[in-house]
């Protein structure tokens, strides 16, 4: 119950100062002084979802779909980057830009020497 009260008070605090930013020009100073004190004394508040979510980066091979509780797989998003260079036979698109034609001519001349 005490923790819930603290969370509500922080919400009221941030809501009040964000709504009254123009009337209370010192609000940012107050917030910038209060947040470090909260961090030092109530670190548990900073690891809760009220301040954001946690991300975990794992290799896909370490995740087994059978180990996930039913319905939780919709919360997992995977990103597999393409780390290979793709060869192209097309000429550089930079040559088509009028602004860069003079630069490309200089580069081409420097290749000849």
PDB file of N, CA and C in Angstrom:
ATOM      1  N   UNK A   1       0.827  -1.195   0.000  1.00  0.00           N
ATOM      2  CA  UNK A   1       0.000   0.000   0.000  1.00  0.00           C
ATOM      3  C   UNK A   1       0.874   1.262   0.000  1.00  0.00           C
ATOM      4  N   UNK A   2       1.962   1.249   0.775  1.00  0.00           N
ATOM      5  CA  UNK A   2       2.854   2.404   0.819  1.00  0.00           C
ATOM      6  C   UNK A   2       3.527   2.648  -0.513  1.00  0.00           C
ATOM      7  N   UNK A   3       3.882   1.562  -1.196  1.00  0.00           N
ATOM      8  CA  UNK A   3       4.529   1.688  -2.502  1.00  0.00           C
ATOM      9  C   UNK A   3       3.559   2.297  -3.513  1.00  0.00           C
ATOM     10  N   UNK A   4       2.323   1.852  -3.485  1.00  0.00           N
ATOM     11  CA  UNK A   4       1.314   2.389  -4.395  1.00  0.00           C
ATOM     12  C   UNK A   4       1.132   3.887  -4.158  1.00  0.00           C
ATOM     13  N   UNK A   5       1.132   4.295  -2.908  1.00  0.00           N
ATOM     14  CA  UNK A   5       0.996   5.712  -2.562  1.00  0.00           C
ATOM     15  C   UNK A   5       2.176   6.500  -3.127  1.00  0.00           C
ATOM     16  N   UNK A   6       3.392   5.947  -3.025  1.00  0.00           N
ATOM     17  CA  UNK A   6       4.576   6.619  -3.555  1.00  0.00           C
ATOM     18  C   UNK A   6       4.487   6.795  -5.067  1.00  0.00           C
ATOM     19  N   UNK A   7       4.042   5.762  -5.751  1.00  0.00           N
ATOM     20  CA  UNK A   7       3.914   5.832  -7.204  1.00  0.00           C
ATOM     21  C   UNK A   7       2.891   6.887  -7.592  1.00  0.00           C
ATOM     22  N   UNK A   8       1.783   6.932  -6.883  1.00  0.00           N
ATOM     23  CA  UNK A   8       0.741   7.933  -7.159  1.00  0.00           C
ATOM     24  C   UNK A   8       1.278   9.337  -6.904  1.00  0.00           C
ATOM     25  N   UNK A   9       2.030   9.517  -5.832  1.00  0.00           N
ATOM     26  CA  UNK A   9       2.588  10.840  -5.514  1.00  0.00           C
ATOM     27  C   UNK A   9       3.568  11.293  -6.594  1.00  0.00           C
ATOM     28  N   UNK A  10       4.394  10.389  -7.086  1.00  0.00           N
ATOM     29  CA  UNK A  10       5.326  10.745  -8.164  1.00  0.00           C
ATOM     30  C   UNK A  10       4.544  11.130  -9.412  1.00  0.00           C
ATOM     31  N   UNK A  11       3.479  10.387  -9.696  1.00  0.00           N
ATOM     32  CA  UNK A  11       2.634  10.725 -10.845  1.00  0.00           C
ATOM     33  C   UNK A  11       2.024  12.106 -10.714  1.00  0.00           C
ATOM     34  N   UNK A  12       1.482  12.416  -9.530  1.00  0.00           N
ATOM     35  CA  UNK A  12       0.922  13.756  -9.294  1.00  0.00           C
ATOM     36  C   UNK A  12       1.996  14.833  -9.423  1.00  0.00           C
ATOM     37  N   UNK A  13       3.162  14.561  -8.879  1.00  0.00           N
ATOM     38  CA  UNK A  13       4.287  15.496  -8.919  1.00  0.00           C
ATOM     39  C   UNK A  13       4.661  15.826 -10.366  1.00  0.00           C
ATOM     40  N   UNK A  14       4.871  14.802 -11.180  1.00  0.00           N
ATOM     41  CA  UNK A  14       5.257  15.024 -12.572  1.00  0.00           C
ATOM     42  C   UNK A  14       4.119  15.654 -13.372  1.00  0.00           C
ATOM     43  N   UNK A  15       2.898  15.243 -13.109  1.00  0.00           N
ATOM     44  CA  UNK A  15       1.741  15.795 -13.801  1.00  0.00           C
ATOM     45  C   UNK A  15       1.577  17.281 -13.494  1.00  0.00           C
ATOM     46  N   UNK A  16       1.699  17.643 -12.230  1.00  0.00           N
ATOM     47  CA  UNK A  16       1.550  19.035 -11.820  1.00  0.00           C
ATOM     48  C   UNK A  16       2.592  19.917 -12.505  1.00  0.00           C
ATOM     49  N   UNK A  17       3.853  19.498 -12.442  1.00  0.00           N
ATOM     50  CA  UNK A  17       4.901  20.342 -13.002  1.00  0.00           C
ATOM     51  C   UNK A  17       4.887  20.365 -14.521  1.00  0.00           C
ATOM     52  N   UNK A  18       4.453  19.291 -15.164  1.00  0.00           N
ATOM     53  CA  UNK A  18       4.379  19.333 -16.622  1.00  0.00           C
ATOM     54  C   UNK A  18       3.215  20.210 -17.081  1.00  0.00           C
ATOM     55  N   UNK A  19       2.111  20.224 -16.324  1.00  0.00           N
ATOM     56  CA  UNK A  19       0.972  21.076 -16.677  1.00  0.00           C
ATOM     57  C   UNK A  19       1.232  22.554 -16.376  1.00  0.00           C
ATOM     58  N   UNK A  20       2.057  22.842 -15.399  1.00  0.00           N
ATOM     59  CA  UNK A  20       2.289  24.220 -14.968  1.00  0.00           C
ATOM     60  C   UNK A  20       3.697  24.712 -15.297  1.00  0.00           C
ATOM     61  N   UNK A  21       4.270  24.206 -16.358  1.00  0.00           N
ATOM     62  CA  UNK A  21       5.648  24.547 -16.706  1.00  0.00           C
ATOM     63  C   UNK A  21       5.829  26.039 -16.981  1.00  0.00           C
ATOM     64  N   UNK A  22       4.858  26.653 -17.615  1.00  0.00           N
ATOM     65  CA  UNK A  22       4.992  28.068 -17.954  1.00  0.00           C
ATOM     66  C   UNK A  22       4.778  28.965 -16.736  1.00  0.00           C
ATOM     67  N   UNK A  23       3.909  28.555 -15.828  1.00  0.00           N
ATOM     68  CA  UNK A  23       3.644  29.364 -14.639  1.00  0.00           C
ATOM     69  C   UNK A  23       4.748  29.222 -13.598  1.00  0.00           C
ATOM     70  N   UNK A  24       5.356  28.054 -13.525  1.00  0.00           N
ATOM     71  CA  UNK A  24       6.410  27.779 -12.543  1.00  0.00           C
ATOM     72  C   UNK A  24       7.717  27.538 -13.288  1.00  0.00           C
ATOM     73  N   UNK A  25       8.458  28.615 -13.540  1.00  0.00           N
ATOM     74  CA  UNK A  25       9.670  28.492 -14.347  1.00  0.00           C
ATOM     75  C   UNK A  25      10.758  27.671 -13.675  1.00  0.00           C
ATOM     76  N   UNK A  26      10.659  27.473 -12.385  1.00  0.00           N
ATOM     77  CA  UNK A  26      11.667  26.685 -11.689  1.00  0.00           C
ATOM     78  C   UNK A  26      11.361  25.203 -11.645  1.00  0.00           C
ATOM     79  N   UNK A  27      10.346  24.751 -12.393  1.00  0.00           N
ATOM     80  CA  UNK A  27       9.933  23.353 -12.306  1.00  0.00           C
ATOM     81  C   UNK A  27      11.025  22.400 -12.752  1.00  0.00           C
ATOM     82  N   UNK A  28      11.767  22.774 -13.798  1.00  0.00           N
ATOM     83  CA  UNK A  28      12.810  21.868 -14.273  1.00  0.00           C
ATOM     84  C   UNK A  28      13.923  21.753 -13.247  1.00  0.00           C
ATOM     85  N   UNK A  29      14.219  22.843 -12.578  1.00  0.00           N
ATOM     86  CA  UNK A  29      15.227  22.810 -11.521  1.00  0.00           C
ATOM     87  C   UNK A  29      14.772  21.871 -10.404  1.00  0.00           C
ATOM     88  N   UNK A  30      13.507  21.979 -10.025  1.00  0.00           N
ATOM     89  CA  UNK A  30      12.967  21.124  -8.967  1.00  0.00           C
ATOM     90  C   UNK A  30      13.022  19.654  -9.370  1.00  0.00           C
ATOM     91  N   UNK A  31      12.593  19.364 -10.591  1.00  0.00           N
ATOM     92  CA  UNK A  31      12.603  17.980 -11.067  1.00  0.00           C
ATOM     93  C   UNK A  31      14.034  17.461 -11.168  1.00  0.00           C
ATOM     94  N   UNK A  32      14.939  18.287 -11.681  1.00  0.00           N
ATOM     95  CA  UNK A  32      16.323  17.828 -11.828  1.00  0.00           C
ATOM     96  C   UNK A  32      16.990  17.587 -10.478  1.00  0.00           C
ATOM     97  N   UNK A  33      16.538  18.243  -9.437  1.00  0.00           N
ATOM     98  CA  UNK A  33      17.069  17.989  -8.093  1.00  0.00           C
ATOM     99  C   UNK A  33      16.389  16.782  -7.448  1.00  0.00           C
ATOM    100  N   UNK A  34      15.101  16.576  -7.752  1.00  0.00           N
ATOM    101  CA  UNK A  34      14.336  15.507  -7.099  1.00  0.00           C
ATOM    102  C   UNK A  34      14.627  14.124  -7.680  1.00  0.00           C
ATOM    103  N   UNK A  35      14.789  14.026  -8.991  1.00  0.00           N
ATOM    104  CA  UNK A  35      14.986  12.715  -9.615  1.00  0.00           C
ATOM    105  C   UNK A  35      16.230  12.001  -9.084  1.00  0.00           C
ATOM    106  N   UNK A  36      17.396  12.666  -8.964  1.00  0.00           N
ATOM    107  CA  UNK A  36      18.548  11.955  -8.388  1.00  0.00           C
ATOM    108  C   UNK A  36      18.308  11.491  -6.950  1.00  0.00           C
ATOM    109  N   UNK A  37      17.568  12.279  -6.162  1.00  0.00           N
ATOM    110  CA  UNK A  37      17.264  11.861  -4.791  1.00  0.00           C
ATOM    111  C   UNK A  37      16.364  10.630  -4.790  1.00  0.00           C
ATOM    112  N   UNK A  38      15.404  10.611  -5.697  1.00  0.00           N
ATOM    113  CA  UNK A  38      14.553   9.429  -5.820  1.00  0.00           C
ATOM    114  C   UNK A  38      15.380   8.220  -6.245  1.00  0.00           C
ATOM    115  N   UNK A  39      16.303   8.453  -7.160  1.00  0.00           N
ATOM    116  CA  UNK A  39      17.149   7.362  -7.644  1.00  0.00           C
ATOM    117  C   UNK A  39      18.007   6.796  -6.517  1.00  0.00           C
ATOM    118  N   UNK A  40      18.556   7.671  -5.684  1.00  0.00           N
ATOM    119  CA  UNK A  40      19.400   7.220  -4.573  1.00  0.00           C
ATOM    120  C   UNK A  40      18.593   6.490  -3.504  1.00  0.00           C
ATOM    121  N   UNK A  41      17.414   6.998  -3.178  1.00  0.00           N
ATOM    122  CA  UNK A  41      16.644   6.460  -2.058  1.00  0.00           C
ATOM    123  C   UNK A  41      15.592   5.430  -2.443  1.00  0.00           C
ATOM    124  N   UNK A  42      15.110   5.473  -3.655  1.00  0.00           N
ATOM    125  CA  UNK A  42      14.049   4.549  -4.086  1.00  0.00           C
ATOM    126  C   UNK A  42      14.402   3.960  -5.448  1.00  0.00           C
ATOM    127  N   UNK A  43      15.519   3.293  -5.527  1.00  0.00           N
ATOM    128  CA  UNK A  43      15.976   2.713  -6.788  1.00  0.00           C
ATOM    129  C   UNK A  43      14.950   1.740  -7.367  1.00  0.00           C
ATOM    130  N   UNK A  44      14.183   1.089  -6.518  1.00  0.00           N
ATOM    131  CA  UNK A  44      13.183   0.127  -6.987  1.00  0.00           C
ATOM    132  C   UNK A  44      12.136   0.774  -7.894  1.00  0.00           C
ATOM    133  N   UNK A  45      11.886   2.064  -7.734  1.00  0.00           N
ATOM    134  CA  UNK A  45      10.913   2.741  -8.591  1.00  0.00           C
ATOM    135  C   UNK A  45      11.412   2.846 -10.029  1.00  0.00           C
ATOM    136  N   UNK A  46      12.726   2.887 -10.207  1.00  0.00           N
ATOM    137  CA  UNK A  46      13.282   3.066 -11.539  1.00  0.00           C
ATOM    138  C   UNK A  46      13.336   1.768 -12.336  1.00  0.00           C
ATOM    139  N   UNK A  47      13.145   0.651 -11.699  1.00  0.00           N
ATOM    140  CA  UNK A  47      13.168  -0.616 -12.420  1.00  0.00           C
ATOM    141  C   UNK A  47      11.767  -1.136 -12.699  1.00  0.00           C
ATOM    142  N   UNK A  48      10.764  -0.352 -12.407  1.00  0.00           N
ATOM    143  CA  UNK A  48       9.383  -0.763 -12.626  1.00  0.00           C
ATOM    144  C   UNK A  48       8.869  -0.186 -13.946  1.00  0.00           C
ATOM    145  N   UNK A  49       7.818  -0.756 -14.494  1.00  0.00           N
ATOM    146  CA  UNK A  49       7.295  -0.308 -15.783  1.00  0.00           C
ATOM    147  C   UNK A  49       6.839   1.147 -15.834  1.00  0.00           C
ATOM    148  N   UNK A  50       6.683   1.834 -14.691  1.00  0.00           N
ATOM    149  CA  UNK A  50       6.246   3.230 -14.768  1.00  0.00           C
ATOM    150  C   UNK A  50       7.301   4.100 -15.432  1.00  0.00           C
ATOM    151  N   UNK A  51       8.563   3.640 -15.472  1.00  0.00           N
ATOM    152  CA  UNK A  51       9.624   4.408 -16.111  1.00  0.00           C
ATOM    153  C   UNK A  51      10.082   3.781 -17.416  1.00  0.00           C
ATOM    154  N   UNK A  52       9.416   2.792 -17.907  1.00  0.00           N
ATOM    155  CA  UNK A  52       9.790   2.183 -19.177  1.00  0.00           C
ATOM    156  C   UNK A  52       9.832   0.676 -19.082  1.00  0.00           C
ATOM    157  N   UNK A  53      10.146   0.065 -20.194  1.00  0.00           N
ATOM    158  CA  UNK A  53      10.205  -1.391 -20.222  1.00  0.00           C
ATOM    159  C   UNK A  53      11.650  -1.845 -20.323  1.00  0.00           C
ATOM    160  N   UNK A  54      11.884  -3.071 -19.958  1.00  0.00           N
ATOM    161  CA  UNK A  54      13.221  -3.646 -20.063  1.00  0.00           C
ATOM    162  C   UNK A  54      13.320  -4.412 -21.373  1.00  0.00           C
ATOM    163  N   UNK A  55      14.480  -4.342 -21.994  1.00  0.00           N
ATOM    164  CA  UNK A  55      14.717  -5.093 -23.216  1.00  0.00           C
ATOM    165  C   UNK A  55      15.822  -6.097 -22.965  1.00  0.00           C
ATOM    166  N   UNK A  56      15.674  -7.255 -23.554  1.00  0.00           N
ATOM    167  CA  UNK A  56      16.692  -8.290 -23.458  1.00  0.00           C
ATOM    168  C   UNK A  56      17.062  -8.678 -24.879  1.00  0.00           C
ATOM    169  N   UNK A  57      18.345  -8.712 -25.159  1.00  0.00           N
ATOM    170  CA  UNK A  57      18.813  -9.077 -26.487  1.00  0.00           C
ATOM    171  C   UNK A  57      19.430 -10.470 -26.424  1.00  0.00           C
ATOM    172  N   UNK A  58      18.773 -11.425 -27.064  1.00  0.00           N
ATOM    173  CA  UNK A  58      19.219 -12.811 -27.083  1.00  0.00           C
ATOM    174  C   UNK A  58      19.359 -13.292 -28.511  1.00  0.00           C
ATOM    175  N   UNK A  59      20.218 -14.266 -28.677  1.00  0.00           N
ATOM    176  CA  UNK A  59      20.308 -14.956 -29.947  1.00  0.00           C
ATOM    177  C   UNK A  59      19.048 -15.812 -30.082  1.00  0.00           C
ATOM    178  N   UNK A  60      18.451 -15.828 -31.278  1.00  0.00           N
ATOM    179  CA  UNK A  60      17.210 -16.585 -31.479  1.00  0.00           C
ATOM    180  C   UNK A  60      17.364 -18.059 -31.136  1.00  0.00           C
ATOM    181  N   UNK A  61      18.560 -18.587 -31.311  1.00  0.00           N
ATOM    182  CA  UNK A  61      18.759 -20.014 -31.062  1.00  0.00           C
ATOM    183  C   UNK A  61      18.589 -20.369 -29.585  1.00  0.00           C
ATOM    184  N   UNK A  62      18.624 -19.380 -28.702  1.00  0.00           N
ATOM    185  CA  UNK A  62      18.462 -19.639 -27.275  1.00  0.00           C
ATOM    186  C   UNK A  62      17.005 -19.631 -26.819  1.00  0.00           C
ATOM    187  N   UNK A  63      16.089 -19.297 -27.730  1.00  0.00           N
ATOM    188  CA  UNK A  63      14.672 -19.222 -27.370  1.00  0.00           C
ATOM    189  C   UNK A  63      13.958 -20.453 -27.919  1.00  0.00           C
ATOM    190  N   UNK A  64      13.336 -21.181 -27.042  1.00  0.00           N
ATOM    191  CA  UNK A  64      12.558 -22.347 -27.439  1.00  0.00           C
ATOM    192  C   UNK A  64      11.080 -22.002 -27.255  1.00  0.00           C
ATOM    193  N   UNK A  65      10.316 -22.114 -28.329  1.00  0.00           N
ATOM    194  CA  UNK A  65       8.898 -21.747 -28.279  1.00  0.00           C
ATOM    195  C   UNK A  65       8.129 -22.585 -27.268  1.00  0.00           C
ATOM    196  N   UNK A  66       8.585 -23.796 -27.013  1.00  0.00           N
ATOM    197  CA  UNK A  66       7.893 -24.667 -26.057  1.00  0.00           C
ATOM    198  C   UNK A  66       8.060 -24.182 -24.620  1.00  0.00           C
ATOM    199  N   UNK A  67       9.114 -23.405 -24.360  1.00  0.00           N
ATOM    200  CA  UNK A  67       9.366 -22.906 -23.009  1.00  0.00           C
ATOM    201  C   UNK A  67       8.524 -21.683 -22.659  1.00  0.00           C
ATOM    202  N   UNK A  68       7.926 -21.063 -23.657  1.00  0.00           N
ATOM    203  CA  UNK A  68       7.145 -19.846 -23.423  1.00  0.00           C
ATOM    204  C   UNK A  68       5.752 -20.195 -22.925  1.00  0.00           C
ATOM    205  N   UNK A  69       5.251 -19.461 -21.940  1.00  0.00           N
ATOM    206  CA  UNK A  69       3.867 -19.680 -21.500  1.00  0.00           C
ATOM    207  C   UNK A  69       2.905 -19.327 -22.630  1.00  0.00           C
ATOM    208  N   UNK A  70       1.763 -19.984 -22.664  1.00  0.00           N
ATOM    209  CA  UNK A  70       0.775 -19.706 -23.709  1.00  0.00           C
ATOM    210  C   UNK A  70       0.363 -18.239 -23.680  1.00  0.00           C
ATOM    211  N   UNK A  71       0.294 -17.643 -24.854  1.00  0.00           N
ATOM    212  CA  UNK A  71      -0.147 -16.261 -24.959  1.00  0.00           C
ATOM    213  C   UNK A  71       0.961 -15.237 -24.775  1.00  0.00           C
ATOM    214  N   UNK A  72       2.151 -15.656 -24.345  1.00  0.00           N
ATOM    215  CA  UNK A  72       3.235 -14.698 -24.115  1.00  0.00           C
ATOM    216  C   UNK A  72       4.075 -14.464 -25.364  1.00  0.00           C
ATOM    217  N   UNK A  73       3.967 -15.342 -26.360  1.00  0.00           N
ATOM    218  CA  UNK A  73       4.802 -15.204 -27.551  1.00  0.00           C
ATOM    219  C   UNK A  73       4.477 -13.935 -28.337  1.00  0.00           C
ATOM    220  N   UNK A  74       3.278 -13.382 -28.159  1.00  0.00           N
ATOM    221  CA  UNK A  74       2.936 -12.158 -28.889  1.00  0.00           C
ATOM    222  C   UNK A  74       3.739 -10.956 -28.380  1.00  0.00           C
ATOM    223  N   UNK A  75       4.336 -11.069 -27.199  1.00  0.00           N
ATOM    224  CA  UNK A  75       5.111  -9.964 -26.646  1.00  0.00           C
ATOM    225  C   UNK A  75       6.580 -10.023 -27.047  1.00  0.00           C
ATOM    226  N   UNK A  76       6.974 -11.068 -27.730  1.00  0.00           N
ATOM    227  CA  UNK A  76       8.374 -11.222 -28.121  1.00  0.00           C
ATOM    228  C   UNK A  76       8.520 -10.794 -29.570  1.00  0.00           C
ATOM    229  N   UNK A  77       9.419  -9.863 -29.802  1.00  0.00           N
ATOM    230  CA  UNK A  77       9.699  -9.395 -31.148  1.00  0.00           C
ATOM    231  C   UNK A  77      11.169  -9.644 -31.448  1.00  0.00           C
ATOM    232  N   UNK A  78      11.456 -10.223 -32.583  1.00  0.00           N
ATOM    233  CA  UNK A  78      12.841 -10.532 -32.942  1.00  0.00           C
ATOM    234  C   UNK A  78      13.248  -9.709 -34.153  1.00  0.00           C
ATOM    235  N   UNK A  79      14.496  -9.325 -34.166  1.00  0.00           N
ATOM    236  CA  UNK A  79      15.067  -8.567 -35.269  1.00  0.00           C
ATOM    237  C   UNK A  79      16.332  -9.285 -35.714  1.00  0.00           C
ATOM    238  N   UNK A  80      16.378  -9.675 -36.971  1.00  0.00           N
ATOM    239  CA  UNK A  80      17.552 -10.349 -37.511  1.00  0.00           C
ATOM    240  C   UNK A  80      18.132  -9.431 -38.586  1.00  0.00           C
ATOM    241  N   UNK A  81      19.240  -8.757 -38.294  1.00  0.00           N
ATOM    242  CA  UNK A  81      19.806  -7.833 -39.275  1.00  0.00           C
ATOM    243  C   UNK A  81      20.522  -8.580 -40.397  1.00  0.00           C
ATOM    244  N   UNK A  82      20.520  -8.001 -41.574  1.00  0.00           N
ATOM    245  CA  UNK A  82      21.284  -8.531 -42.692  1.00  0.00           C
ATOM    246  C   UNK A  82      22.679  -7.926 -42.595  1.00  0.00           C
ATOM    247  N   UNK A  83      23.656  -8.737 -42.254  1.00  0.00           N
ATOM    248  CA  UNK A  83      25.014  -8.227 -42.044  1.00  0.00           C
ATOM    249  C   UNK A  83      25.914  -8.467 -43.242  1.00  0.00           C
ATOM    250  N   UNK A  84      25.354  -8.966 -44.339  1.00  0.00           N
ATOM    251  CA  UNK A  84      26.156  -9.233 -45.530  1.00  0.00           C
ATOM    252  C   UNK A  84      26.037  -8.072 -46.510  1.00  0.00           C
ATOM    253  N   UNK A  85      27.139  -7.800 -47.204  1.00  0.00           N
ATOM    254  CA  UNK A  85      27.107  -6.795 -48.258  1.00  0.00           C
ATOM    255  C   UNK A  85      26.473  -7.421 -49.490  1.00  0.00           C
ATOM    256  N   UNK A  86      25.619  -6.685 -50.151  1.00  0.00           N
ATOM    257  CA  UNK A  86      24.949  -7.183 -51.341  1.00  0.00           C
ATOM    258  C   UNK A  86      25.624  -6.584 -52.566  1.00  0.00           C
ATOM    259  N   UNK A  87      26.233  -7.419 -53.418  1.00  0.00           N
ATOM    260  CA  UNK A  87      26.895  -6.870 -54.607  1.00  0.00           C
ATOM    261  C   UNK A  87      25.856  -6.325 -55.584  1.00  0.00           C
ATOM    262  N   UNK A  88      26.239  -5.302 -56.280  1.00  0.00           N
ATOM    263  CA  UNK A  88      25.327  -4.701 -57.249  1.00  0.00           C
ATOM    264  C   UNK A  88      26.069  -4.451 -58.549  1.00  0.00           C
ATOM    265  N   UNK A  89      25.378  -4.612 -59.653  1.00  0.00           N
ATOM    266  CA  UNK A  89      25.982  -4.354 -60.960  1.00  0.00           C
ATOM    267  C   UNK A  89      25.550  -3.000 -61.494  1.00  0.00           C
ATOM    268  N   UNK A  90      24.656  -2.348 -60.791  1.00  0.00           N
ATOM    269  CA  UNK A  90      24.174  -1.039 -61.222  1.00  0.00           C
ATOM    270  C   UNK A  90      25.238   0.021 -60.949  1.00  0.00           C
ATOM    271  N   UNK A  91      25.341   1.024 -61.830  1.00  0.00           N
ATOM    272  CA  UNK A  91      26.262   2.125 -61.539  1.00  0.00           C
ATOM    273  C   UNK A  91      25.759   2.923 -60.339  1.00  0.00           C
ATOM    274  N   UNK A  92      26.649   3.622 -59.738  1.00  0.00           N
ATOM    275  CA  UNK A  92      26.303   4.397 -58.555  1.00  0.00           C
ATOM    276  C   UNK A  92      25.206   5.404 -58.873  1.00  0.00           C
ATOM    277  N   UNK A  93      24.241   5.505 -58.003  1.00  0.00           N
ATOM    278  CA  UNK A  93      23.151   6.468 -58.197  1.00  0.00           C
ATOM    279  C   UNK A  93      23.640   7.896 -57.992  1.00  0.00           C
ATOM    280  N   UNK A  94      24.800   8.032 -57.356  1.00  0.00           N
ATOM    281  CA  UNK A  94      25.337   9.376 -57.128  1.00  0.00           C
ATOM    282  C   UNK A  94      25.677  10.049 -58.447  1.00  0.00           C
ATOM    283  N   UNK A  95      25.997   9.274 -59.461  1.00  0.00           N
ATOM    284  CA  UNK A  95      26.356   9.854 -60.759  1.00  0.00           C
ATOM    285  C   UNK A  95      25.155  10.546 -61.409  1.00  0.00           C
ATOM    286  N   UNK A  96      23.970  10.199 -61.020  1.00  0.00           N
ATOM    287  CA  UNK A  96      22.770  10.795 -61.604  1.00  0.00           C
ATOM    288  C   UNK A  96      22.420  12.143 -60.982  1.00  0.00           C
ATOM    289  N   UNK A  97      23.038  12.491 -59.903  1.00  0.00           N
ATOM    290  CA  UNK A  97      22.730  13.736 -59.220  1.00  0.00           C
ATOM    291  C   UNK A  97      23.603  14.849 -59.784  1.00  0.00           C
ATOM    292  N   UNK A  98      22.976  15.908 -60.277  1.00  0.00           N
ATOM    293  CA  UNK A  98      23.714  17.009 -60.897  1.00  0.00           C
ATOM    294  C   UNK A  98      24.698  17.657 -59.934  1.00  0.00           C
ATOM    295  N   UNK A  99      24.305  17.785 -58.678  1.00  0.00           N
ATOM    296  CA  UNK A  99      25.166  18.448 -57.707  1.00  0.00           C
ATOM    297  C   UNK A  99      26.458  17.675 -57.475  1.00  0.00           C
ATOM    298  N   UNK A 100      26.404  16.366 -57.643  1.00  0.00           N
ATOM    299  CA  UNK A 100      27.577  15.551 -57.355  1.00  0.00           C
ATOM    300  C   UNK A 100      28.387  15.183 -58.595  1.00  0.00           C
ATOM    301  N   UNK A 101      27.963  15.627 -59.776  1.00  0.00           N
ATOM    302  CA  UNK A 101      28.670  15.260 -61.000  1.00  0.00           C
ATOM    303  C   UNK A 101      30.097  15.791 -61.015  1.00  0.00           C
ATOM    304  N   UNK A 102      30.302  17.011 -60.560  1.00  0.00           N
ATOM    305  CA  UNK A 102      31.664  17.559 -60.556  1.00  0.00           C
ATOM    306  C   UNK A 102      32.559  16.795 -59.592  1.00  0.00           C
ATOM    307  N   UNK A 103      32.016  16.406 -58.464  1.00  0.00           N
ATOM    308  CA  UNK A 103      32.795  15.623 -57.502  1.00  0.00           C
ATOM    309  C   UNK A 103      33.148  14.268 -58.099  1.00  0.00           C
ATOM    310  N   UNK A 104      32.212  13.645 -58.775  1.00  0.00           N
ATOM    311  CA  UNK A 104      32.458  12.340 -59.385  1.00  0.00           C
ATOM    312  C   UNK A 104      33.510  12.446 -60.489  1.00  0.00           C
ATOM    313  N   UNK A 105      33.515  13.557 -61.249  1.00  0.00           N
ATOM    314  CA  UNK A 105      34.534  13.752 -62.286  1.00  0.00           C
ATOM    315  C   UNK A 105      35.918  13.837 -61.660  1.00  0.00           C
ATOM    316  N   UNK A 106      36.019  14.547 -60.545  1.00  0.00           N
ATOM    317  CA  UNK A 106      37.306  14.663 -59.847  1.00  0.00           C
ATOM    318  C   UNK A 106      37.758  13.293 -59.355  1.00  0.00           C
ATOM    319  N   UNK A 107      36.834  12.526 -58.817  1.00  0.00           N
ATOM    320  CA  UNK A 107      37.177  11.179 -58.333  1.00  0.00           C
ATOM    321  C   UNK A 107      37.615  10.298 -59.494  1.00  0.00           C
ATOM    322  N   UNK A 108      36.906  10.365 -60.613  1.00  0.00           N
ATOM    323  CA  UNK A 108      37.268   9.559 -61.782  1.00  0.00           C
ATOM    324  C   UNK A 108      38.643   9.948 -62.312  1.00  0.00           C
ATOM    325  N   UNK A 109      38.951  11.246 -62.338  1.00  0.00           N
ATOM    326  CA  UNK A 109      40.264  11.705 -62.801  1.00  0.00           C
ATOM    327  C   UNK A 109      41.365  11.229 -61.872  1.00  0.00           C
ATOM    328  N   UNK A 110      41.085  11.221 -60.577  1.00  0.00           N
ATOM    329  CA  UNK A 110      42.113  10.788 -59.624  1.00  0.00           C
ATOM    330  C   UNK A 110      42.393   9.292 -59.757  1.00  0.00           C
ATOM    331  N   UNK A 111      41.425   8.525 -60.223  1.00  0.00           N
ATOM    332  CA  UNK A 111      41.642   7.088 -60.436  1.00  0.00           C
ATOM    333  C   UNK A 111      42.568   6.845 -61.622  1.00  0.00           C
ATOM    334  N   UNK A 112      42.516   7.741 -62.626  1.00  0.00           N
ATOM    335  CA  UNK A 112      43.333   7.587 -63.832  1.00  0.00           C
ATOM    336  C   UNK A 112      44.807   7.865 -63.560  1.00  0.00           C
ATOM    337  N   UNK A 113      45.104   8.700 -62.587  1.00  0.00           N
ATOM    338  CA  UNK A 113      46.511   9.056 -62.333  1.00  0.00           C
ATOM    339  C   UNK A 113      47.197   8.112 -61.402  1.00  0.00           C
TER     340      UNK A 113
END
